[in-house]
C-alpha atoms as a PDB file:
ATOM      1  CA  MET A   1     153.152  72.938 150.453  1.00  0.00           C
ATOM      2  CA  SER A   2     151.270  69.668 150.499  1.00  0.00           C
ATOM      3  CA  THR A   3     148.993  68.490 147.685  1.00  0.00           C
ATOM      4  CA  LYS A   4     145.982  68.851 149.974  1.00  0.00           C
ATOM      5  CA  GLN A   5     146.861  72.464 150.736  1.00  0.00           C
ATOM      6  CA  ARG A   6     147.332  73.248 147.042  1.00  0.00           C
ATOM      7  CA  LYS A   7     143.929  71.780 146.210  1.00  0.00           C
ATOM      8  CA  ARG A   8     142.359  73.852 148.956  1.00  0.00           C
ATOM      9  CA  ILE A   9     143.951  77.061 147.636  1.00  0.00           C
ATOM     10  CA  TRP A  10     142.915  76.200 144.065  1.00  0.00           C
ATOM     11  CA  ALA A  11     139.345  75.757 145.308  1.00  0.00           C
ATOM     12  CA  ILE A  12     139.440  79.114 147.128  1.00  0.00           C
ATOM     13  CA  LEU A  13     140.840  80.830 144.024  1.00  0.00           C
ATOM     14  CA  ALA A  14     138.176  79.254 141.785  1.00  0.00           C
ATOM     15  CA  ILE A  15     135.292  80.211 144.096  1.00  0.00           C
ATOM     16  CA  TYR A  16     136.609  83.746 144.568  1.00  0.00           C
ATOM     17  CA  SER A  17     137.085  84.155 140.798  1.00  0.00           C
ATOM     18  CA  LEU A  18     133.502  83.057 140.170  1.00  0.00           C
ATOM     19  CA  LEU A  19     132.260  85.598 142.713  1.00  0.00           C
ATOM     20  CA  ILE A  20     134.212  88.404 141.031  1.00  0.00           C
ATOM     21  CA  VAL A  21     132.897  87.374 137.592  1.00  0.00           C
ATOM     22  CA  TYR A  22     129.354  87.282 138.978  1.00  0.00           C
ATOM     23  CA  PHE A  23     129.614  90.825 140.348  1.00  0.00           C
ATOM     24  CA  MET A  24     131.249  92.068 137.136  1.00  0.00           C
ATOM     25  CA  PHE A  25     128.449  90.712 134.944  1.00  0.00           C
ATOM     26  CA  PHE A  26     125.333  90.302 137.083  1.00  0.00           C
ATOM     27  CA  GLY A  27     125.823  92.364 140.252  1.00  0.00           C
ATOM     28  CA  PHE A  28     124.618  95.920 140.895  1.00  0.00           C
ATOM     29  CA  GLY A  29     121.577  95.490 138.628  1.00  0.00           C
ATOM     30  CA  ARG A  30     123.633  95.142 135.445  1.00  0.00           C
ATOM     31  CA  PRO A  31     121.133  92.924 133.508  1.00  0.00           C
ATOM     32  CA  THR A  32     118.330  95.458 134.143  1.00  0.00           C
ATOM     33  CA  ALA A  33     120.516  98.383 133.092  1.00  0.00           C
ATOM     34  CA  ALA A  34     121.619  96.501 129.974  1.00  0.00           C
ATOM     35  CA  GLY A  35     118.051  96.543 128.656  1.00  0.00           C
ATOM     36  CA  GLY A  36     118.315 100.258 127.902  1.00  0.00           C
ATOM     37  CA  LEU A  37     121.675 100.077 126.084  1.00  0.00           C
ATOM     38  CA  GLN A  38     121.714 100.072 122.299  1.00  0.00           C
ATOM     39  CA  GLU A  39     125.360 100.849 121.612  1.00  0.00           C
ATOM     40  CA  TYR A  40     128.693  99.789 123.057  1.00  0.00           C
ATOM     41  CA  GLN A  41     130.014 101.821 125.977  1.00  0.00           C
ATOM     42  CA  PHE A  42     133.796 102.153 126.220  1.00  0.00           C
ATOM     43  CA  ASN A  43     136.638 104.315 127.478  1.00  0.00           C
ATOM     44  CA  LEU A  44     139.994 103.614 125.862  1.00  0.00           C
ATOM     45  CA  MET A  45     141.947 106.608 127.147  1.00  0.00           C
ATOM     46  CA  PRO A  46     143.195 106.519 130.767  1.00  0.00           C
ATOM     47  CA  HIS A  47     142.031 109.371 132.983  1.00  0.00           C
ATOM     48  CA  THR A  48     142.690 109.879 136.670  1.00  0.00           C
ATOM     49  CA  LEU A  49     142.086 106.924 138.987  1.00  0.00           C
ATOM     50  CA  ALA A  50     138.752 107.123 140.831  1.00  0.00           C
ATOM     51  CA  LEU A  51     140.353 106.456 144.226  1.00  0.00           C
ATOM     52  CA  LYS A  52     140.388 108.835 147.165  1.00  0.00           C
ATOM     53  CA  PHE A  53     140.046 108.962 150.927  1.00  0.00           C
ATOM     54  CA  PRO A  54     136.444 109.490 152.043  1.00  0.00           C
ATOM     55  CA  ASN A  55     135.268 112.862 153.282  1.00  0.00           C
ATOM     56  CA  PHE A  56     131.994 114.212 154.658  1.00  0.00           C
ATOM     57  CA  SER A  57     130.516 114.896 151.215  1.00  0.00           C
ATOM     58  CA  ASP A  58     131.060 111.257 150.238  1.00  0.00           C
ATOM     59  CA  LEU A  59     128.432 110.156 152.778  1.00  0.00           C
ATOM     60  CA  LYS A  60     125.717 111.167 150.323  1.00  0.00           C
ATOM     61  CA  TYR A  61     127.277 109.082 147.552  1.00  0.00           C
ATOM     62  CA  PHE A  62     128.866 106.426 149.734  1.00  0.00           C
ATOM     63  CA  HIS A  63     127.948 103.642 147.293  1.00  0.00           C
ATOM     64  CA  ILE A  64     130.025 105.289 144.537  1.00  0.00           C
ATOM     65  CA  TRP A  65     133.053 105.710 146.799  1.00  0.00           C
ATOM     66  CA  PHE A  66     132.680 102.126 148.065  1.00  0.00           C
ATOM     67  CA  PHE A  67     132.359 100.781 144.507  1.00  0.00           C
ATOM     68  CA  ASN A  68     135.547 102.559 143.426  1.00  0.00           C
ATOM     69  CA  LEU A  69     137.404 101.245 146.482  1.00  0.00           C
ATOM     70  CA  GLY A  70     136.117  97.751 145.733  1.00  0.00           C
ATOM     71  CA  ASN A  71     137.676  97.924 142.266  1.00  0.00           C
ATOM     72  CA  LEU A  72     141.035  98.024 144.051  1.00  0.00           C
ATOM     73  CA  VAL A  73     140.584  95.940 147.200  1.00  0.00           C
ATOM     74  CA  ALA A  74     138.583  93.096 145.618  1.00  0.00           C
ATOM     75  CA  PHE A  75     141.512  92.189 143.361  1.00  0.00           C
ATOM     76  CA  ILE A  76     144.211  92.121 146.048  1.00  0.00           C
ATOM     77  CA  PRO A  77     143.554  88.403 146.831  1.00  0.00           C
ATOM     78  CA  PHE A  78     144.539  87.441 143.274  1.00  0.00           C
ATOM     79  CA  GLY A  79     148.009  88.839 143.904  1.00  0.00           C
ATOM     80  CA  ILE A  80     148.260  86.622 146.998  1.00  0.00           C
ATOM     81  CA  LEU A  81     146.585  83.386 145.887  1.00  0.00           C
ATOM     82  CA  ILE A  82     148.148  83.052 142.426  1.00  0.00           C
ATOM     83  CA  PRO A  83     151.782  83.367 143.650  1.00  0.00           C
ATOM     84  CA  LEU A  84     150.942  80.759 146.287  1.00  0.00           C
ATOM     85  CA  LEU A  85     150.174  78.314 143.483  1.00  0.00           C
ATOM     86  CA  LEU A  86     152.410  79.384 140.612  1.00  0.00           C
ATOM     87  CA  ARG A  87     155.985  80.610 140.691  1.00  0.00           C
ATOM     88  CA  LEU A  88     155.665  83.675 138.515  1.00  0.00           C
ATOM     89  CA  LYS A  89     157.854  86.737 138.356  1.00  0.00           C
ATOM     90  CA  PHE A  90     156.012  90.032 138.637  1.00  0.00           C
ATOM     91  CA  PRO A  91     156.215  91.064 134.922  1.00  0.00           C
ATOM     92  CA  THR A  92     154.768  87.703 133.837  1.00  0.00           C
ATOM     93  CA  PHE A  93     152.094  87.738 136.539  1.00  0.00           C
ATOM     94  CA  ILE A  94     150.949  91.281 135.834  1.00  0.00           C
ATOM     95  CA  ALA A  95     150.942  90.797 132.045  1.00  0.00           C
ATOM     96  CA  LEU A  96     148.745  87.713 132.346  1.00  0.00           C
ATOM     97  CA  PHE A  97     146.446  89.343 134.897  1.00  0.00           C
ATOM     98  CA  PHE A  98     146.036  92.570 132.907  1.00  0.00           C
ATOM     99  CA  SER A  99     145.292  90.571 129.742  1.00  0.00           C
ATOM    100  CA  GLY A 100     142.615  88.608 131.604  1.00  0.00           C
ATOM    101  CA  ILE A 101     140.998  91.805 132.921  1.00  0.00           C
ATOM    102  CA  LEU A 102     140.959  93.314 129.421  1.00  0.00           C
ATOM    103  CA  ILE A 103     139.187  90.210 128.121  1.00  0.00           C
ATOM    104  CA  LEU A 104     136.544  90.458 130.867  1.00  0.00           C
ATOM    105  CA  GLU A 105     136.063  94.185 130.201  1.00  0.00           C
ATOM    106  CA  THR A 106     135.590  93.432 126.499  1.00  0.00           C
ATOM    107  CA  VAL A 107     133.004  90.730 127.218  1.00  0.00           C
ATOM    108  CA  GLN A 108     131.187  93.145 129.540  1.00  0.00           C
ATOM    109  CA  MET A 109     130.929  95.636 126.700  1.00  0.00           C
ATOM    110  CA  LEU A 110     129.905  93.125 124.015  1.00  0.00           C
ATOM    111  CA  THR A 111     127.151  91.648 126.210  1.00  0.00           C
ATOM    112  CA  PHE A 112     125.885  95.127 127.262  1.00  0.00           C
ATOM    113  CA  LEU A 113     126.397  94.066 130.884  1.00  0.00           C
ATOM    114  CA  GLY A 114     128.820  96.896 131.487  1.00  0.00           C
ATOM    115  CA  SER A 115     131.348  98.994 129.646  1.00  0.00           C
ATOM    116  CA  PHE A 116     134.960  98.631 128.627  1.00  0.00           C
ATOM    117  CA  ASP A 117     136.746 101.029 130.955  1.00  0.00           C
ATOM    118  CA  ILE A 118     140.530 101.149 130.841  1.00  0.00           C
ATOM    119  CA  ASP A 119     140.547 103.057 134.147  1.00  0.00           C
ATOM    120  CA  ASP A 120     138.757 100.167 135.889  1.00  0.00           C
ATOM    121  CA  ALA A 121     141.218  97.692 134.349  1.00  0.00           C
ATOM    122  CA  LEU A 122     144.169  99.709 135.658  1.00  0.00           C
ATOM    123  CA  VAL A 123     142.692  99.935 139.178  1.00  0.00           C
ATOM    124  CA  ASN A 124     141.990  96.174 139.182  1.00  0.00           C
ATOM    125  CA  THR A 125     145.585  95.528 138.134  1.00  0.00           C
ATOM    126  CA  LEU A 126     146.897  97.849 140.837  1.00  0.00           C
ATOM    127  CA  GLY A 127     144.933  95.783 143.365  1.00  0.00           C
ATOM    128  CA  ALA A 128     146.546  92.563 142.135  1.00  0.00           C
ATOM    129  CA  SER A 129     149.981  94.261 142.250  1.00  0.00           C
ATOM    130  CA  ILE A 130     149.386  95.260 145.879  1.00  0.00           C
ATOM    131  CA  GLY A 131     148.565  91.662 146.726  1.00  0.00           C
ATOM    132  CA  PHE A 132     151.647  90.363 144.893  1.00  0.00           C
ATOM    133  CA  TYR A 133     154.128  92.590 146.720  1.00  0.00           C
ATOM    134  CA  ALA A 134     152.345  92.193 150.046  1.00  0.00           C
ATOM    135  CA  TYR A 135     152.750  88.437 149.641  1.00  0.00           C
ATOM    136  CA  GLU A 136     156.408  88.815 148.580  1.00  0.00           C
ATOM    137  CA  LEU A 137     157.253  90.799 151.718  1.00  0.00           C
ATOM    138  CA  GLY A 138     155.044  88.810 154.084  1.00  0.00           C
ATOM    139  CA  SER A 139     156.302  85.413 152.918  1.00  0.00           C
ATOM    140  CA  ARG A 140     159.698  86.144 154.491  1.00  0.00           C
ATOM    141  CA  TYR A 141     158.227  85.081 157.830  1.00  0.00           C
ATOM    142  CA  THR A 142     158.337  81.358 158.449  1.00  0.00           C
ATOM    143  CA  ASP A 143     155.651  81.413 161.135  1.00  0.00           C
ATOM    144  CA  ARG A 144     152.227  81.083 159.447  1.00  0.00           C
ATOM    145  CA  GLY A 145     150.473  83.521 161.780  1.00  0.00           C
ATOM    146  CA  LYS A 146     153.138  86.222 161.484  1.00  0.00           C
ATOM    147  CA  ARG A 147     153.180  85.729 157.714  1.00  0.00           C
ATOM    148  CA  ALA A 148     149.407  86.283 157.445  1.00  0.00           C
ATOM    149  CA  ILE A 149     149.570  89.392 159.648  1.00  0.00           C
ATOM    150  CA  ALA A 150     152.519  90.770 157.663  1.00  0.00           C
ATOM    151  CA  ILE A 151     150.706  90.230 154.342  1.00  0.00           C
ATOM    152  CA  LEU A 152     147.611  92.028 155.632  1.00  0.00           C
ATOM    153  CA  LEU A 153     149.663  94.909 157.024  1.00  0.00           C
ATOM    154  CA  TRP A 154     151.652  95.347 153.823  1.00  0.00           C
ATOM    155  CA  ALA A 155     148.445  95.178 151.777  1.00  0.00           C
ATOM    156  CA  GLY A 156     147.005  97.957 153.925  1.00  0.00           C
ATOM    157  CA  VAL A 157     150.152 100.090 153.622  1.00  0.00           C
ATOM    158  CA  PHE A 158     150.312  99.701 149.840  1.00  0.00           C
ATOM    159  CA  SER A 159     146.567 100.392 149.468  1.00  0.00           C
ATOM    160  CA  PHE A 160     146.919 103.540 151.557  1.00  0.00           C
ATOM    161  CA  ALA A 161     149.860 104.672 149.408  1.00  0.00           C
ATOM    162  CA  VAL A 162     148.033 103.966 146.117  1.00  0.00           C
ATOM    163  CA  ILE A 163     144.890 105.832 147.228  1.00  0.00           C
ATOM    164  CA  GLY A 164     146.991 108.760 148.425  1.00  0.00           C
ATOM    165  CA  PHE A 165     148.896 108.887 145.138  1.00  0.00           C
ATOM    166  CA  SER A 166     145.623 108.658 143.186  1.00  0.00           C
ATOM    167  CA  GLU A 167     144.118 111.553 145.133  1.00  0.00           C
ATOM    168  CA  LEU A 168     147.255 113.660 144.587  1.00  0.00           C
ATOM    169  CA  LEU A 169     147.228 112.805 140.888  1.00  0.00           C
ATOM    170  CA  SER A 170     143.531 113.757 140.599  1.00  0.00           C
ATOM    171  CA  LYS A 171     144.170 117.141 142.204  1.00  0.00           C
ATOM    172  CA  MET A 172     147.137 117.796 139.914  1.00  0.00           C
ATOM    173  CA  ALA A 173     145.155 116.766 136.823  1.00  0.00           C
ATOM    174  CA  ALA A 174     141.971 118.647 137.763  1.00  0.00           C
ATOM    175  CA  PRO A 175     141.160 121.352 135.198  1.00  0.00           C
ATOM    176  CA  VAL A 176     141.727 124.948 136.231  1.00  0.00           C
ATOM    177  CA  GLU A 177     138.978 127.467 135.546  1.00  0.00           C
ATOM    178  CA  GLY A 178     139.947 130.540 133.602  1.00  0.00           C
ATOM    179  CA  PRO A 179     138.313 133.970 133.991  1.00  0.00           C
ATOM    180  CA  GLU A 180     134.617 134.310 133.224  1.00  0.00           C
ATOM    181  CA  GLN A 181     133.885 135.372 129.657  1.00  0.00           C
ATOM    182  CA  VAL A 182     130.603 136.678 128.302  1.00  0.00           C
ATOM    183  CA  LEU A 183     128.968 134.754 125.474  1.00  0.00           C
ATOM    184  CA  SER A 184     127.528 137.757 123.638  1.00  0.00           C
ATOM    185  CA  GLU A 185     124.904 137.808 120.935  1.00  0.00           C
ATOM    186  CA  ALA A 186     122.019 140.155 121.717  1.00  0.00           C
ATOM    187  CA  GLY A 187     122.104 143.664 123.170  1.00  0.00           C
ATOM    188  CA  SER A 188     124.915 145.598 124.772  1.00  0.00           C
ATOM    189  CA  LEU A 189     125.313 147.338 128.118  1.00  0.00           C
ATOM    190  CA  PRO A 190     123.653 149.316 129.482  1.00  0.00           C
ATOM    191  CA  TYR A 191     120.332 147.536 128.902  1.00  0.00           C
ATOM    192  CA  GLU A 192     117.167 149.452 128.155  1.00  0.00           C
ATOM    193  CA  PRO A 193     114.239 149.208 130.619  1.00  0.00           C
ATOM    194  CA  ASP A 194     112.245 146.986 128.235  1.00  0.00           C
ATOM    195  CA  GLN A 195     114.992 144.349 128.558  1.00  0.00           C
ATOM    196  CA  ARG A 196     113.970 143.771 132.143  1.00  0.00           C
ATOM    197  CA  PHE A 197     111.268 141.234 132.843  1.00  0.00           C
ATOM    198  CA  GLN A 198     109.448 139.360 135.558  1.00  0.00           C
ATOM    199  CA  ILE A 199     109.611 135.629 136.345  1.00  0.00           C
ATOM    200  CA  GLY A 200     107.169 134.853 139.102  1.00  0.00           C
ATOM    201  CA  SER A 201     107.853 137.281 141.926  1.00  0.00           C
ATOM    202  CA  GLU A 202     111.456 137.769 140.805  1.00  0.00           C
ATOM    203  CA  ARG A 203     112.457 140.839 138.791  1.00  0.00           C
ATOM    204  CA  ILE A 204     115.190 139.911 136.331  1.00  0.00           C
ATOM    205  CA  GLU A 205     117.713 142.538 135.262  1.00  0.00           C
ATOM    206  CA  PRO A 206     120.302 141.002 132.898  1.00  0.00           C
ATOM    207  CA  ALA A 207     123.794 142.306 133.568  1.00  0.00           C
ATOM    208  CA  LYS A 208     125.781 140.734 130.705  1.00  0.00           C
ATOM    209  CA  ASN A 209     123.592 139.533 127.824  1.00  0.00           C
ATOM    210  CA  LEU A 210     120.091 138.442 126.879  1.00  0.00           C
ATOM    211  CA  TYR A 211     118.714 135.784 124.531  1.00  0.00           C
ATOM    212  CA  SER A 212     115.038 135.633 123.586  1.00  0.00           C
ATOM    213  CA  GLY A 213     113.044 132.801 122.080  1.00  0.00           C
ATOM    214  CA  ASN A 214     109.641 133.117 120.416  1.00  0.00           C
ATOM    215  CA  ALA A 215     106.531 131.042 119.885  1.00  0.00           C
ATOM    216  CA  GLU A 216     106.867 130.965 116.086  1.00  0.00           C
ATOM    217  CA  GLY A 217     109.816 128.567 115.840  1.00  0.00           C
ATOM    218  CA  PRO A 218     113.317 127.706 117.078  1.00  0.00           C
ATOM    219  CA  THR A 219     115.844 130.510 117.542  1.00  0.00           C
ATOM    220  CA  GLU A 220     119.456 129.488 117.027  1.00  0.00           C
ATOM    221  CA  PHE A 221     122.703 131.094 118.206  1.00  0.00           C
ATOM    222  CA  VAL A 222     126.020 129.809 116.836  1.00  0.00           C
ATOM    223  CA  TYR A 223     129.562 130.393 118.167  1.00  0.00           C
ATOM    224  CA  GLN A 224     133.033 129.291 117.084  1.00  0.00           C
ATOM    225  CA  LEU A 225     135.264 128.487 120.086  1.00  0.00           C
ATOM    226  CA  ASP A 226     138.331 126.965 118.383  1.00  0.00           C
ATOM    227  CA  GLY A 227     138.416 123.624 120.218  1.00  0.00           C
ATOM    228  CA  LYS A 228     138.291 125.029 123.764  1.00  0.00           C
ATOM    229  CA  ASP A 229     137.327 123.035 126.854  1.00  0.00           C
ATOM    230  CA  ILE A 230     134.691 125.166 128.556  1.00  0.00           C
ATOM    231  CA  LEU A 231     132.262 125.385 131.440  1.00  0.00           C
ATOM    232  CA  LEU A 232     129.092 127.022 130.130  1.00  0.00           C
ATOM    233  CA  SER A 233     126.830 128.820 132.629  1.00  0.00           C
ATOM    234  CA  LEU A 234     123.381 130.153 131.893  1.00  0.00           C
ATOM    235  CA  ASN A 235     120.223 131.461 133.557  1.00  0.00           C
ATOM    236  CA  TYR A 236     116.833 130.787 132.038  1.00  0.00           C
ATOM    237  CA  GLY A 237     113.086 130.932 132.538  1.00  0.00           C
ATOM    238  CA  ILE A 238     109.753 131.869 130.959  1.00  0.00           C
ATOM    239  CA  PRO A 239     108.655 135.446 131.672  1.00  0.00           C
ATOM    240  CA  ALA A 240     105.318 136.094 133.321  1.00  0.00           C
ATOM    241  CA  ALA A 241     104.151 138.020 130.234  1.00  0.00           C
ATOM    242  CA  ALA A 242     104.782 135.055 127.891  1.00  0.00           C
ATOM    243  CA  LYS A 243     101.742 133.444 126.236  1.00  0.00           C
ATOM    244  CA  SER A 244     103.230 129.915 126.122  1.00  0.00           C
ATOM    245  CA  ASP A 245     103.741 127.825 129.237  1.00  0.00           C
ATOM    246  CA  THR A 246     106.574 125.558 128.074  1.00  0.00           C
ATOM    247  CA  GLY A 247     109.774 125.719 126.096  1.00  0.00           C
ATOM    248  CA  GLN A 248     113.113 123.990 125.576  1.00  0.00           C
ATOM    249  CA  ILE A 249     116.797 124.836 125.369  1.00  0.00           C
ATOM    250  CA  HIS A 250     119.156 122.638 123.335  1.00  0.00           C
ATOM    251  CA  ILE A 251     122.949 122.833 123.684  1.00  0.00           C
ATOM    252  CA  SER A 252     124.913 121.250 120.825  1.00  0.00           C
ATOM    253  CA  VAL A 253     128.641 120.863 120.247  1.00  0.00           C
ATOM    254  CA  ASP A 254     129.936 120.189 116.741  1.00  0.00           C
ATOM    255  CA  GLY A 255     126.561 118.920 115.570  1.00  0.00           C
ATOM    256  CA  LYS A 256     125.899 116.658 118.576  1.00  0.00           C
ATOM    257  CA  GLU A 257     123.379 117.572 121.256  1.00  0.00           C
ATOM    258  CA  VAL A 258     124.997 117.456 124.712  1.00  0.00           C
ATOM    259  CA  ASP A 259     122.283 118.927 126.917  1.00  0.00           C
ATOM    260  CA  THR A 260     118.555 119.714 126.838  1.00  0.00           C
ATOM    261  CA  TYR A 261     116.491 121.718 129.335  1.00  0.00           C
ATOM    262  CA  SER A 262     112.714 121.615 129.453  1.00  0.00           C
ATOM    263  CA  VAL A 263     111.406 124.920 130.809  1.00  0.00           C
ATOM    264  CA  TYR A 264     107.990 125.404 132.405  1.00  0.00           C
ATOM    265  CA  LYS A 265     106.151 128.552 133.349  1.00  0.00           C
ATOM    266  CA  GLU A 266     104.829 126.801 136.477  1.00  0.00           C
ATOM    267  CA  PRO A 267     106.438 126.662 138.968  1.00  0.00           C
ATOM    268  CA  ASN A 268     107.328 130.125 137.770  1.00  0.00           C
ATOM    269  CA  SER A 269     110.903 130.673 138.885  1.00  0.00           C
ATOM    270  CA  ALA A 270     114.295 131.369 137.335  1.00  0.00           C
ATOM    271  CA  ASN A 271     116.719 128.484 136.772  1.00  0.00           C
ATOM    272  CA  ALA A 272     120.480 128.216 136.430  1.00  0.00           C
ATOM    273  CA  SER A 273     122.774 125.505 135.088  1.00  0.00           C
ATOM    274  CA  GLU A 274     126.382 124.688 134.249  1.00  0.00           C
ATOM    275  CA  THR A 275     127.597 122.302 131.540  1.00  0.00           C
ATOM    276  CA  ALA A 276     131.196 121.160 131.062  1.00  0.00           C
ATOM    277  CA  MET A 277     132.160 120.519 127.430  1.00  0.00           C
ATOM    278  CA  GLU A 278     135.416 119.365 125.864  1.00  0.00           C
ATOM    279  CA  LYS A 279     137.040 120.425 122.605  1.00  0.00           C
ATOM    280  CA  VAL A 280     134.270 122.760 121.494  1.00  0.00           C
ATOM    281  CA  ASN A 281     134.631 124.051 117.952  1.00  0.00           C
ATOM    282  CA  GLU A 282     131.062 125.020 117.129  1.00  0.00           C
ATOM    283  CA  LEU A 283     128.657 125.746 119.986  1.00  0.00           C
ATOM    284  CA  VAL A 284     124.957 126.041 119.121  1.00  0.00           C
ATOM    285  CA  ILE A 285     122.254 127.210 121.544  1.00  0.00           C
ATOM    286  CA  THR A 286     118.723 126.612 120.270  1.00  0.00           C
ATOM    287  CA  ILE A 287     115.695 128.099 122.059  1.00  0.00           C
ATOM    288  CA  GLU A 288     112.181 126.770 121.472  1.00  0.00           C
ATOM    289  CA  GLY A 289     109.254 128.777 122.818  1.00  0.00           C
ATOM    290  CA  GLU A 290     109.213 132.053 124.724  1.00  0.00           C
ATOM    291  CA  VAL A 291     112.203 131.186 126.885  1.00  0.00           C
ATOM    292  CA  MET A 292     114.635 133.851 128.049  1.00  0.00           C
ATOM    293  CA  LEU A 293     118.346 133.201 128.636  1.00  0.00           C
ATOM    294  CA  TRP A 294     120.474 135.820 130.320  1.00  0.00           C
ATOM    295  CA  ASP A 295     123.967 136.344 131.704  1.00  0.00           C
ATOM    296  CA  VAL A 296     125.258 133.434 129.615  1.00  0.00           C
ATOM    297  CA  THR A 297     128.987 133.048 130.273  1.00  0.00           C
ATOM    298  CA  PHE A 298     131.743 130.482 129.938  1.00  0.00           C
ATOM    299  CA  LYS A 299     135.059 129.730 131.563  1.00  0.00           C
ATOM    300  CA  GLU A 300     137.849 128.148 129.585  1.00  0.00           C
ATOM    301  CA  MET A 301     139.147 125.023 131.321  1.00  0.00           C
ATOM    302  CA  GLY A 302     142.849 124.223 131.248  1.00  0.00           C
ATOM    303  CA  HIS A 303     145.621 122.526 133.188  1.00  0.00           C
ATOM    304  CA  TRP A 304     148.678 123.838 134.962  1.00  0.00           C
ATOM    305  CA  TRP A 305     151.029 122.230 132.429  1.00  0.00           C
ATOM    306  CA  SER A 306     149.331 123.968 129.489  1.00  0.00           C
ATOM    307  CA  ASP A 307     150.018 127.499 130.784  1.00  0.00           C
END
């Protein structure tokens, strides 16, 4: 490779690196979002990779799918350009690249222009690895045109394989819902007629349990769940006979509030919600106002390897 060609590739690498840094720190409205952050955001434990093939439901959230794909594809050129300039073996290349990504992720967190996300760092590094091996296989062709085509084809094949593996891994790691269990506190079946009530035009007849708030002060219900991962489901609303028009429901896990629902008499209709919670020891449901909760249940979440 001539000196002129090397300078040209160095220039391309420098410009491309600046573009990536710009998008990591200033793209996607990061400075505006940073104004609302008051504590560092970070994820140090790897989860499943956010890579999958698009389906019909992804059309609604196409920007999220495209962003996750970009975390992989945007870093493929580094695996091609750097080996063009420096003779590095893969372990050395990937160690240096991963270290650089970790530094950028840390700066993102410290400047409140993003978060430190180990999953993003791993996907970025996978992208660079795809580029490295695509270049290794494509560089066997002496003809420049065939070499470029081969590199692109191998990059596509490896990307397809990585996304497929990621999707398979996500499905294998997805939590499995256990049988529905009743979170019981008030009443027992069968319910008396006075435990039926009206919300708007809908007649509510609780089938499993019933929780009642009052206008005098908060009503608290406490449960010990021994560190379970759960999916909590509840129905709620303000009965037509209630004197107050508003109320709130607070869901807390081990002393930390994880969800809050503001409930209004108008529009007068029943509501339902689900909340996923991990490692729940003490679950506290606090009702403020004349809010009714009924048929409150949970499903324990597990994985196939924990059976």
